[in-house]
Amino acid sequence: MRAKQCTYGDFLKSEEKIATNILAARLQMLETNGIITKQDHPESKAKVLYKLTQKGIDLLPIMVEINLWADKYFTLPPERKEMIDEVKKDKEAFIKEKIKELSLS
């Protein structure tokens, strides 16, 4: 959600270090369930961009609540902690702004 759009390679480079077979299966499942969509990459015919659908964007409030819960029980990475601190200032405004950003991409 934070990146707005990603290539398969972008996901492989992420901190999660997910195995290629698991990544492929999860992306397929998300696409099959209408959470993400594949689009042609504007710079490379060999790549595709994965983007959230409206159905995926509508998960944002749930993801915010999960992150608030995680902040209560776990030590989060600094960049996620910054986001949580922003959420705590005005959760509704944060969600509204992020949904707007995601819908425009």
PDB file of N, CA and C in Angstrom:
ATOM      1  N   MET A   1       0.819  -1.196   0.000  1.00  0.00           N
ATOM      2  CA  MET A   1       0.000   0.000   0.000  1.00  0.00           C
ATOM      3  C   MET A   1       0.862   1.260   0.000  1.00  0.00           C
ATOM      4  N   ARG A   2       1.982   1.196   0.663  1.00  0.00           N
ATOM      5  CA  ARG A   2       2.827   2.389   0.733  1.00  0.00           C
ATOM      6  C   ARG A   2       3.475   2.720  -0.597  1.00  0.00           C
ATOM      7  N   ALA A   3       3.793   1.705  -1.394  1.00  0.00           N
ATOM      8  CA  ALA A   3       4.497   1.946  -2.651  1.00  0.00           C
ATOM      9  C   ALA A   3       3.551   2.321  -3.781  1.00  0.00           C
ATOM     10  N   LYS A   4       2.275   2.090  -3.648  1.00  0.00           N
ATOM     11  CA  LYS A   4       1.242   2.369  -4.641  1.00  0.00           C
ATOM     12  C   LYS A   4       1.307   1.440  -5.844  1.00  0.00           C
ATOM     13  N   GLN A   5       2.491   1.124  -6.309  1.00  0.00           N
ATOM     14  CA  GLN A   5       2.652   0.162  -7.391  1.00  0.00           C
ATOM     15  C   GLN A   5       4.036  -0.467  -7.290  1.00  0.00           C
ATOM     16  N   CYS A   6       4.134  -1.736  -7.693  1.00  0.00           N
ATOM     17  CA  CYS A   6       5.394  -2.458  -7.568  1.00  0.00           C
ATOM     18  C   CYS A   6       5.536  -3.452  -8.701  1.00  0.00           C
ATOM     19  N   THR A   7       6.777  -3.747  -9.021  1.00  0.00           N
ATOM     20  CA  THR A   7       7.055  -4.852  -9.929  1.00  0.00           C
ATOM     21  C   THR A   7       7.363  -6.091  -9.091  1.00  0.00           C
ATOM     22  N   TYR A   8       7.400  -7.220  -9.740  1.00  0.00           N
ATOM     23  CA  TYR A   8       7.764  -8.467  -9.066  1.00  0.00           C
ATOM     24  C   TYR A   8       9.137  -8.312  -8.406  1.00  0.00           C
ATOM     25  N   GLY A   9      10.067  -7.700  -9.128  1.00  0.00           N
ATOM     26  CA  GLY A   9      11.412  -7.471  -8.597  1.00  0.00           C
ATOM     27  C   GLY A   9      11.420  -6.589  -7.361  1.00  0.00           C
ATOM     28  N   ASP A  10      10.556  -5.580  -7.342  1.00  0.00           N
ATOM     29  CA  ASP A  10      10.442  -4.718  -6.162  1.00  0.00           C
ATOM     30  C   ASP A  10      10.056  -5.540  -4.935  1.00  0.00           C
ATOM     31  N   PHE A  11       9.088  -6.445  -5.118  1.00  0.00           N
ATOM     32  CA  PHE A  11       8.679  -7.298  -4.001  1.00  0.00           C
ATOM     33  C   PHE A  11       9.820  -8.204  -3.559  1.00  0.00           C
ATOM     34  N   LEU A  12      10.579  -8.735  -4.515  1.00  0.00           N
ATOM     35  CA  LEU A  12      11.694  -9.623  -4.167  1.00  0.00           C
ATOM     36  C   LEU A  12      12.771  -8.905  -3.361  1.00  0.00           C
ATOM     37  N   LYS A  13      12.956  -7.613  -3.619  1.00  0.00           N
ATOM     38  CA  LYS A  13      13.983  -6.832  -2.924  1.00  0.00           C
ATOM     39  C   LYS A  13      13.533  -6.344  -1.548  1.00  0.00           C
ATOM     40  N   SER A  14      12.286  -6.546  -1.205  1.00  0.00           N
ATOM     41  CA  SER A  14      11.758  -6.005   0.052  1.00  0.00           C
ATOM     42  C   SER A  14      12.384  -6.692   1.261  1.00  0.00           C
ATOM     43  N   GLU A  15      12.196  -6.081   2.411  1.00  0.00           N
ATOM     44  CA  GLU A  15      12.774  -6.579   3.664  1.00  0.00           C
ATOM     45  C   GLU A  15      12.251  -7.956   4.055  1.00  0.00           C
ATOM     46  N   GLU A  16      11.090  -8.343   3.550  1.00  0.00           N
ATOM     47  CA  GLU A  16      10.494  -9.620   3.940  1.00  0.00           C
ATOM     48  C   GLU A  16      11.286 -10.822   3.435  1.00  0.00           C
ATOM     49  N   LYS A  17      12.055 -10.634   2.370  1.00  0.00           N
ATOM     50  CA  LYS A  17      12.878 -11.716   1.800  1.00  0.00           C
ATOM     51  C   LYS A  17      12.027 -12.961   1.507  1.00  0.00           C
ATOM     52  N   ILE A  18      10.932 -12.765   0.815  1.00  0.00           N
ATOM     53  CA  ILE A  18      10.007 -13.845   0.512  1.00  0.00           C
ATOM     54  C   ILE A  18      10.550 -14.702  -0.632  1.00  0.00           C
ATOM     55  N   ALA A  19      10.355 -16.001  -0.548  1.00  0.00           N
ATOM     56  CA  ALA A  19      10.798 -16.923  -1.601  1.00  0.00           C
ATOM     57  C   ALA A  19       9.993 -16.673  -2.869  1.00  0.00           C
ATOM     58  N   THR A  20      10.624 -16.869  -4.009  1.00  0.00           N
ATOM     59  CA  THR A  20       9.979 -16.563  -5.285  1.00  0.00           C
ATOM     60  C   THR A  20       8.699 -17.360  -5.508  1.00  0.00           C
ATOM     61  N   ASN A  21       8.704 -18.628  -5.133  1.00  0.00           N
ATOM     62  CA  ASN A  21       7.490 -19.435  -5.343  1.00  0.00           C
ATOM     63  C   ASN A  21       6.341 -18.954  -4.463  1.00  0.00           C
ATOM     64  N   ILE A  22       6.646 -18.553  -3.250  1.00  0.00           N
ATOM     65  CA  ILE A  22       5.605 -18.055  -2.348  1.00  0.00           C
ATOM     66  C   ILE A  22       5.110 -16.697  -2.823  1.00  0.00           C
ATOM     67  N   LEU A  23       6.021 -15.833  -3.256  1.00  0.00           N
ATOM     68  CA  LEU A  23       5.634 -14.533  -3.778  1.00  0.00           C
ATOM     69  C   LEU A  23       4.702 -14.689  -4.975  1.00  0.00           C
ATOM     70  N   ALA A  24       5.075 -15.531  -5.911  1.00  0.00           N
ATOM     71  CA  ALA A  24       4.247 -15.740  -7.111  1.00  0.00           C
ATOM     72  C   ALA A  24       2.859 -16.239  -6.730  1.00  0.00           C
ATOM     73  N   ALA A  25       2.791 -17.160  -5.798  1.00  0.00           N
ATOM     74  CA  ALA A  25       1.500 -17.706  -5.370  1.00  0.00           C
ATOM     75  C   ALA A  25       0.656 -16.634  -4.680  1.00  0.00           C
ATOM     76  N   ARG A  26       1.272 -15.828  -3.853  1.00  0.00           N
ATOM     77  CA  ARG A  26       0.517 -14.789  -3.138  1.00  0.00           C
ATOM     78  C   ARG A  26       0.027 -13.698  -4.082  1.00  0.00           C
ATOM     79  N   LEU A  27       0.864 -13.294  -5.023  1.00  0.00           N
ATOM     80  CA  LEU A  27       0.427 -12.297  -5.994  1.00  0.00           C
ATOM     81  C   LEU A  27      -0.735 -12.833  -6.829  1.00  0.00           C
ATOM     82  N   GLN A  28      -0.651 -14.093  -7.231  1.00  0.00           N
ATOM     83  CA  GLN A  28      -1.731 -14.704  -7.993  1.00  0.00           C
ATOM     84  C   GLN A  28      -3.020 -14.738  -7.177  1.00  0.00           C
ATOM     85  N   MET A  29      -2.923 -15.098  -5.912  1.00  0.00           N
ATOM     86  CA  MET A  29      -4.097 -15.148  -5.041  1.00  0.00           C
ATOM     87  C   MET A  29      -4.710 -13.753  -4.872  1.00  0.00           C
ATOM     88  N   LEU A  30      -3.863 -12.747  -4.670  1.00  0.00           N
ATOM     89  CA  LEU A  30      -4.360 -11.384  -4.525  1.00  0.00           C
ATOM     90  C   LEU A  30      -5.037 -10.896  -5.806  1.00  0.00           C
ATOM     91  N   GLU A  31      -4.467 -11.260  -6.944  1.00  0.00           N
ATOM     92  CA  GLU A  31      -5.074 -10.879  -8.223  1.00  0.00           C
ATOM     93  C   GLU A  31      -6.394 -11.619  -8.442  1.00  0.00           C
ATOM     94  N   THR A  32      -6.407 -12.898  -8.175  1.00  0.00           N
ATOM     95  CA  THR A  32      -7.615 -13.709  -8.336  1.00  0.00           C
ATOM     96  C   THR A  32      -8.757 -13.175  -7.477  1.00  0.00           C
ATOM     97  N   ASN A  33      -8.419 -12.680  -6.300  1.00  0.00           N
ATOM     98  CA  ASN A  33      -9.435 -12.171  -5.378  1.00  0.00           C
ATOM     99  C   ASN A  33      -9.740 -10.684  -5.558  1.00  0.00           C
ATOM    100  N   GLY A  34      -9.166 -10.079  -6.583  1.00  0.00           N
ATOM    101  CA  GLY A  34      -9.491  -8.697  -6.912  1.00  0.00           C
ATOM    102  C   GLY A  34      -8.884  -7.654  -6.012  1.00  0.00           C
ATOM    103  N   ILE A  35      -7.812  -8.006  -5.285  1.00  0.00           N
ATOM    104  CA  ILE A  35      -7.144  -7.054  -4.391  1.00  0.00           C
ATOM    105  C   ILE A  35      -6.117  -6.229  -5.165  1.00  0.00           C
ATOM    106  N   ILE A  36      -5.455  -6.861  -6.114  1.00  0.00           N
ATOM    107  CA  ILE A  36      -4.479  -6.183  -6.973  1.00  0.00           C
ATOM    108  C   ILE A  36      -4.810  -6.473  -8.429  1.00  0.00           C
ATOM    109  N   THR A  37      -4.214  -5.688  -9.291  1.00  0.00           N
ATOM    110  CA  THR A  37      -4.333  -5.894 -10.726  1.00  0.00           C
ATOM    111  C   THR A  37      -2.954  -5.756 -11.355  1.00  0.00           C
ATOM    112  N   LYS A  38      -2.766  -6.446 -12.464  1.00  0.00           N
ATOM    113  CA  LYS A  38      -1.507  -6.316 -13.208  1.00  0.00           C
ATOM    114  C   LYS A  38      -1.721  -5.345 -14.352  1.00  0.00           C
ATOM    115  N   GLN A  39      -0.733  -4.481 -14.566  1.00  0.00           N
ATOM    116  CA  GLN A  39      -0.774  -3.533 -15.672  1.00  0.00           C
ATOM    117  C   GLN A  39       0.555  -3.564 -16.401  1.00  0.00           C
ATOM    118  N   ASP A  40       0.533  -3.217 -17.677  1.00  0.00           N
ATOM    119  CA  ASP A  40       1.771  -3.140 -18.439  1.00  0.00           C
ATOM    120  C   ASP A  40       2.691  -2.096 -17.829  1.00  0.00           C
ATOM    121  N   HIS A  41       3.983  -2.418 -17.785  1.00  0.00           N
ATOM    122  CA  HIS A  41       4.985  -1.477 -17.283  1.00  0.00           C
ATOM    123  C   HIS A  41       5.272  -0.473 -18.392  1.00  0.00           C
ATOM    124  N   PRO A  42       5.270   0.812 -18.091  1.00  0.00           N
ATOM    125  CA  PRO A  42       5.474   1.815 -19.146  1.00  0.00           C
ATOM    126  C   PRO A  42       6.883   1.827 -19.741  1.00  0.00           C
ATOM    127  N   GLU A  43       7.864   1.262 -19.034  1.00  0.00           N
ATOM    128  CA  GLU A  43       9.248   1.321 -19.490  1.00  0.00           C
ATOM    129  C   GLU A  43       9.809  -0.008 -19.968  1.00  0.00           C
ATOM    130  N   SER A  44       9.105  -1.105 -19.706  1.00  0.00           N
ATOM    131  CA  SER A  44       9.646  -2.416 -20.051  1.00  0.00           C
ATOM    132  C   SER A  44       8.525  -3.399 -20.374  1.00  0.00           C
ATOM    133  N   LYS A  45       8.610  -4.014 -21.537  1.00  0.00           N
ATOM    134  CA  LYS A  45       7.610  -5.015 -21.913  1.00  0.00           C
ATOM    135  C   LYS A  45       7.799  -6.313 -21.133  1.00  0.00           C
ATOM    136  N   ALA A  46       8.966  -6.482 -20.528  1.00  0.00           N
ATOM    137  CA  ALA A  46       9.253  -7.699 -19.770  1.00  0.00           C
ATOM    138  C   ALA A  46       8.711  -7.623 -18.334  1.00  0.00           C
ATOM    139  N   LYS A  47       8.247  -6.455 -17.918  1.00  0.00           N
ATOM    140  CA  LYS A  47       7.781  -6.264 -16.549  1.00  0.00           C
ATOM    141  C   LYS A  47       6.295  -5.908 -16.528  1.00  0.00           C
ATOM    142  N   VAL A  48       5.678  -6.172 -15.381  1.00  0.00           N
ATOM    143  CA  VAL A  48       4.321  -5.699 -15.132  1.00  0.00           C
ATOM    144  C   VAL A  48       4.306  -4.942 -13.809  1.00  0.00           C
ATOM    145  N   LEU A  49       3.344  -4.068 -13.677  1.00  0.00           N
ATOM    146  CA  LEU A  49       3.149  -3.345 -12.426  1.00  0.00           C
ATOM    147  C   LEU A  49       1.959  -3.939 -11.705  1.00  0.00           C
ATOM    148  N   TYR A  50       2.119  -4.152 -10.429  1.00  0.00           N
ATOM    149  CA  TYR A  50       1.021  -4.598  -9.581  1.00  0.00           C
ATOM    150  C   TYR A  50       0.505  -3.374  -8.837  1.00  0.00           C
ATOM    151  N   LYS A  51      -0.793  -3.152  -8.935  1.00  0.00           N
ATOM    152  CA  LYS A  51      -1.413  -2.013  -8.265  1.00  0.00           C
ATOM    153  C   LYS A  51      -2.649  -2.481  -7.509  1.00  0.00           C
ATOM    154  N   LEU A  52      -2.980  -1.759  -6.462  1.00  0.00           N
ATOM    155  CA  LEU A  52      -4.180  -2.068  -5.705  1.00  0.00           C
ATOM    156  C   LEU A  52      -5.427  -1.707  -6.505  1.00  0.00           C
ATOM    157  N   THR A  53      -6.443  -2.530  -6.409  1.00  0.00           N
ATOM    158  CA  THR A  53      -7.754  -2.204  -6.942  1.00  0.00           C
ATOM    159  C   THR A  53      -8.493  -1.404  -5.870  1.00  0.00           C
ATOM    160  N   GLN A  54      -9.695  -0.946  -6.181  1.00  0.00           N
ATOM    161  CA  GLN A  54     -10.485  -0.258  -5.161  1.00  0.00           C
ATOM    162  C   GLN A  54     -10.763  -1.192  -3.987  1.00  0.00           C
ATOM    163  N   LYS A  55     -10.987  -2.460  -4.297  1.00  0.00           N
ATOM    164  CA  LYS A  55     -11.208  -3.457  -3.243  1.00  0.00           C
ATOM    165  C   LYS A  55      -9.986  -3.535  -2.321  1.00  0.00           C
ATOM    166  N   GLY A  56      -8.785  -3.482  -2.894  1.00  0.00           N
ATOM    167  CA  GLY A  56      -7.560  -3.501  -2.101  1.00  0.00           C
ATOM    168  C   GLY A  56      -7.389  -2.224  -1.294  1.00  0.00           C
ATOM    169  N   ILE A  57      -7.689  -1.087  -1.917  1.00  0.00           N
ATOM    170  CA  ILE A  57      -7.591   0.204  -1.228  1.00  0.00           C
ATOM    171  C   ILE A  57      -8.532   0.231  -0.027  1.00  0.00           C
ATOM    172  N   ASP A  58      -9.695  -0.389  -0.176  1.00  0.00           N
ATOM    173  CA  ASP A  58     -10.675  -0.400   0.912  1.00  0.00           C
ATOM    174  C   ASP A  58     -10.204  -1.188   2.136  1.00  0.00           C
ATOM    175  N   LEU A  59      -9.111  -1.904   2.009  1.00  0.00           N
ATOM    176  CA  LEU A  59      -8.519  -2.613   3.155  1.00  0.00           C
ATOM    177  C   LEU A  59      -7.692  -1.684   4.056  1.00  0.00           C
ATOM    178  N   LEU A  60      -7.437  -0.474   3.616  1.00  0.00           N
ATOM    179  CA  LEU A  60      -6.576   0.438   4.368  1.00  0.00           C
ATOM    180  C   LEU A  60      -7.000   0.622   5.825  1.00  0.00           C
ATOM    181  N   PRO A  61      -8.264   0.885   6.134  1.00  0.00           N
ATOM    182  CA  PRO A  61      -8.621   1.042   7.551  1.00  0.00           C
ATOM    183  C   PRO A  61      -8.300  -0.198   8.391  1.00  0.00           C
ATOM    184  N   ILE A  62      -8.452  -1.366   7.819  1.00  0.00           N
ATOM    185  CA  ILE A  62      -8.123  -2.606   8.532  1.00  0.00           C
ATOM    186  C   ILE A  62      -6.624  -2.691   8.777  1.00  0.00           C
ATOM    187  N   MET A  63      -5.837  -2.336   7.762  1.00  0.00           N
ATOM    188  CA  MET A  63      -4.384  -2.371   7.900  1.00  0.00           C
ATOM    189  C   MET A  63      -3.910  -1.364   8.957  1.00  0.00           C
ATOM    190  N   VAL A  64      -4.557  -0.219   9.010  1.00  0.00           N
ATOM    191  CA  VAL A  64      -4.223   0.773  10.034  1.00  0.00           C
ATOM    192  C   VAL A  64      -4.468   0.190  11.423  1.00  0.00           C
ATOM    193  N   GLU A  65      -5.618  -0.454  11.626  1.00  0.00           N
ATOM    194  CA  GLU A  65      -5.927  -1.046  12.930  1.00  0.00           C
ATOM    195  C   GLU A  65      -4.937  -2.152  13.301  1.00  0.00           C
ATOM    196  N   ILE A  66      -4.546  -2.956  12.333  1.00  0.00           N
ATOM    197  CA  ILE A  66      -3.552  -4.009  12.592  1.00  0.00           C
ATOM    198  C   ILE A  66      -2.223  -3.388  13.030  1.00  0.00           C
ATOM    199  N   ASN A  67      -1.844  -2.296  12.381  1.00  0.00           N
ATOM    200  CA  ASN A  67      -0.595  -1.626  12.748  1.00  0.00           C
ATOM    201  C   ASN A  67      -0.680  -0.982  14.128  1.00  0.00           C
ATOM    202  N   LEU A  68      -1.828  -0.441  14.478  1.00  0.00           N
ATOM    203  CA  LEU A  68      -2.004   0.114  15.833  1.00  0.00           C
ATOM    204  C   LEU A  68      -1.894  -0.991  16.880  1.00  0.00           C
ATOM    205  N   TRP A  69      -2.478  -2.131  16.591  1.00  0.00           N
ATOM    206  CA  TRP A  69      -2.372  -3.282  17.491  1.00  0.00           C
ATOM    207  C   TRP A  69      -0.906  -3.719  17.614  1.00  0.00           C
ATOM    208  N   ALA A  70      -0.209  -3.808  16.474  1.00  0.00           N
ATOM    209  CA  ALA A  70       1.197  -4.225  16.488  1.00  0.00           C
ATOM    210  C   ALA A  70       2.051  -3.259  17.298  1.00  0.00           C
ATOM    211  N   ASP A  71       1.761  -1.971  17.190  1.00  0.00           N
ATOM    212  CA  ASP A  71       2.515  -0.972  17.948  1.00  0.00           C
ATOM    213  C   ASP A  71       2.335  -1.167  19.456  1.00  0.00           C
ATOM    214  N   LYS A  72       1.195  -1.649  19.847  1.00  0.00           N
ATOM    215  CA  LYS A  72       0.920  -1.880  21.269  1.00  0.00           C
ATOM    216  C   LYS A  72       1.714  -3.061  21.825  1.00  0.00           C
ATOM    217  N   TYR A  73       1.953  -4.068  20.999  1.00  0.00           N
ATOM    218  CA  TYR A  73       2.537  -5.311  21.497  1.00  0.00           C
ATOM    219  C   TYR A  73       3.948  -5.628  20.997  1.00  0.00           C
ATOM    220  N   PHE A  74       4.428  -4.898  20.000  1.00  0.00           N
ATOM    221  CA  PHE A  74       5.727  -5.207  19.405  1.00  0.00           C
ATOM    222  C   PHE A  74       6.539  -3.941  19.195  1.00  0.00           C
ATOM    223  N   THR A  75       7.828  -4.113  18.998  1.00  0.00           N
ATOM    224  CA  THR A  75       8.700  -3.005  18.624  1.00  0.00           C
ATOM    225  C   THR A  75       8.701  -2.943  17.102  1.00  0.00           C
ATOM    226  N   LEU A  76       8.237  -1.832  16.582  1.00  0.00           N
ATOM    227  CA  LEU A  76       8.127  -1.671  15.131  1.00  0.00           C
ATOM    228  C   LEU A  76       9.358  -0.970  14.567  1.00  0.00           C
ATOM    229  N   PRO A  77       9.645  -1.203  13.290  1.00  0.00           N
ATOM    230  CA  PRO A  77      10.738  -0.468  12.642  1.00  0.00           C
ATOM    231  C   PRO A  77      10.451   1.038  12.670  1.00  0.00           C
ATOM    232  N   PRO A  78      11.484   1.845  12.691  1.00  0.00           N
ATOM    233  CA  PRO A  78      11.297   3.309  12.810  1.00  0.00           C
ATOM    234  C   PRO A  78      10.353   3.903  11.760  1.00  0.00           C
ATOM    235  N   GLU A  79      10.443   3.457  10.501  1.00  0.00           N
ATOM    236  CA  GLU A  79       9.584   4.047   9.475  1.00  0.00           C
ATOM    237  C   GLU A  79       8.108   3.712   9.706  1.00  0.00           C
ATOM    238  N   ARG A  80       7.837   2.524  10.236  1.00  0.00           N
ATOM    239  CA  ARG A  80       6.445   2.179  10.534  1.00  0.00           C
ATOM    240  C   ARG A  80       5.985   2.916  11.787  1.00  0.00           C
ATOM    241  N   LYS A  81       6.866   3.083  12.735  1.00  0.00           N
ATOM    242  CA  LYS A  81       6.539   3.828  13.955  1.00  0.00           C
ATOM    243  C   LYS A  81       6.182   5.271  13.611  1.00  0.00           C
ATOM    244  N   GLU A  82       6.886   5.865  12.663  1.00  0.00           N
ATOM    245  CA  GLU A  82       6.574   7.228  12.220  1.00  0.00           C
ATOM    246  C   GLU A  82       5.159   7.296  11.664  1.00  0.00           C
ATOM    247  N   MET A  83       4.801   6.299  10.852  1.00  0.00           N
ATOM    248  CA  MET A  83       3.469   6.254  10.275  1.00  0.00           C
ATOM    249  C   MET A  83       2.416   6.112  11.367  1.00  0.00           C
ATOM    250  N   ILE A  84       2.672   5.246  12.339  1.00  0.00           N
ATOM    251  CA  ILE A  84       1.734   5.035  13.443  1.00  0.00           C
ATOM    252  C   ILE A  84       1.559   6.321  14.255  1.00  0.00           C
ATOM    253  N   ASP A  85       2.642   7.037  14.478  1.00  0.00           N
ATOM    254  CA  ASP A  85       2.553   8.304  15.207  1.00  0.00           C
ATOM    255  C   ASP A  85       1.667   9.295  14.455  1.00  0.00           C
ATOM    256  N   GLU A  86       1.771   9.304  13.138  1.00  0.00           N
ATOM    257  CA  GLU A  86       0.917  10.164  12.312  1.00  0.00           C
ATOM    258  C   GLU A  86      -0.551   9.731  12.426  1.00  0.00           C
ATOM    259  N   VAL A  87      -0.787   8.428  12.404  1.00  0.00           N
ATOM    260  CA  VAL A  87      -2.145   7.894  12.553  1.00  0.00           C
ATOM    261  C   VAL A  87      -2.744   8.325  13.889  1.00  0.00           C
ATOM    262  N   LYS A  88      -1.962   8.244  14.953  1.00  0.00           N
ATOM    263  CA  LYS A  88      -2.465   8.557  16.290  1.00  0.00           C
ATOM    264  C   LYS A  88      -2.882  10.022  16.437  1.00  0.00           C
ATOM    265  N   LYS A  89      -2.300  10.907  15.626  1.00  0.00           N
ATOM    266  CA  LYS A  89      -2.670  12.326  15.693  1.00  0.00           C
ATOM    267  C   LYS A  89      -4.102  12.539  15.205  1.00  0.00           C
ATOM    268  N   ASP A  90      -4.470  11.865  14.098  1.00  0.00           N
ATOM    269  CA  ASP A  90      -5.817  12.002  13.531  1.00  0.00           C
ATOM    270  C   ASP A  90      -6.056  10.840  12.569  1.00  0.00           C
ATOM    271  N   LYS A  91      -6.547   9.734  13.127  1.00  0.00           N
ATOM    272  CA  LYS A  91      -6.698   8.501  12.351  1.00  0.00           C
ATOM    273  C   LYS A  91      -7.615   8.691  11.146  1.00  0.00           C
ATOM    274  N   GLU A  92      -8.737   9.333  11.340  1.00  0.00           N
ATOM    275  CA  GLU A  92      -9.693   9.495  10.233  1.00  0.00           C
ATOM    276  C   GLU A  92      -9.101  10.326   9.100  1.00  0.00           C
ATOM    277  N   ALA A  93      -8.415  11.402   9.439  1.00  0.00           N
ATOM    278  CA  ALA A  93      -7.782  12.247   8.415  1.00  0.00           C
ATOM    279  C   ALA A  93      -6.677  11.477   7.693  1.00  0.00           C
ATOM    280  N   PHE A  94      -5.911  10.697   8.438  1.00  0.00           N
ATOM    281  CA  PHE A  94      -4.843   9.893   7.836  1.00  0.00           C
ATOM    282  C   PHE A  94      -5.431   8.918   6.821  1.00  0.00           C
ATOM    283  N   ILE A  95      -6.467   8.190   7.230  1.00  0.00           N
ATOM    284  CA  ILE A  95      -7.088   7.202   6.343  1.00  0.00           C
ATOM    285  C   ILE A  95      -7.668   7.877   5.113  1.00  0.00           C
ATOM    286  N   LYS A  96      -8.361   8.971   5.306  1.00  0.00           N
ATOM    287  CA  LYS A  96      -8.968   9.698   4.176  1.00  0.00           C
ATOM    288  C   LYS A  96      -7.903  10.149   3.177  1.00  0.00           C
ATOM    289  N   GLU A  97      -6.802  10.698   3.680  1.00  0.00           N
ATOM    290  CA  GLU A  97      -5.728  11.188   2.803  1.00  0.00           C
ATOM    291  C   GLU A  97      -5.057  10.039   2.056  1.00  0.00           C
ATOM    292  N   LYS A  98      -4.780   8.948   2.750  1.00  0.00           N
ATOM    293  CA  LYS A  98      -4.110   7.806   2.104  1.00  0.00           C
ATOM    294  C   LYS A  98      -5.010   7.155   1.062  1.00  0.00           C
ATOM    295  N   ILE A  99      -6.304   7.047   1.346  1.00  0.00           N
ATOM    296  CA  ILE A  99      -7.229   6.490   0.355  1.00  0.00           C
ATOM    297  C   ILE A  99      -7.266   7.381  -0.883  1.00  0.00           C
ATOM    298  N   LYS A 100      -7.263   8.675  -0.668  1.00  0.00           N
ATOM    299  CA  LYS A 100      -7.239   9.622  -1.795  1.00  0.00           C
ATOM    300  C   LYS A 100      -5.966   9.434  -2.622  1.00  0.00           C
ATOM    301  N   GLU A 101      -4.822   9.342  -1.959  1.00  0.00           N
ATOM    302  CA  GLU A 101      -3.542   9.131  -2.665  1.00  0.00           C
ATOM    303  C   GLU A 101      -3.546   7.843  -3.451  1.00  0.00           C
ATOM    304  N   LEU A 102      -4.008   6.760  -2.832  1.00  0.00           N
ATOM    305  CA  LEU A 102      -4.027   5.460  -3.497  1.00  0.00           C
ATOM    306  C   LEU A 102      -4.997   5.440  -4.675  1.00  0.00           C
ATOM    307  N   SER A 103      -6.094   6.149  -4.565  1.00  0.00           N
ATOM    308  CA  SER A 103      -7.095   6.175  -5.627  1.00  0.00           C
ATOM    309  C   SER A 103      -6.615   6.966  -6.842  1.00  0.00           C
ATOM    310  N   LEU A 104      -5.713   7.908  -6.627  1.00  0.00           N
ATOM    311  CA  LEU A 104      -5.192   8.734  -7.713  1.00  0.00           C
ATOM    312  C   LEU A 104      -4.068   8.051  -8.487  1.00  0.00           C
ATOM    313  N   SER A 105      -3.449   7.043  -7.900  1.00  0.00           N
ATOM    314  CA  SER A 105      -2.284   6.432  -8.558  1.00  0.00           C
ATOM    315  C   SER A 105      -2.701   5.443  -9.630  1.00  0.00           C
TER     316      SER A 105
END
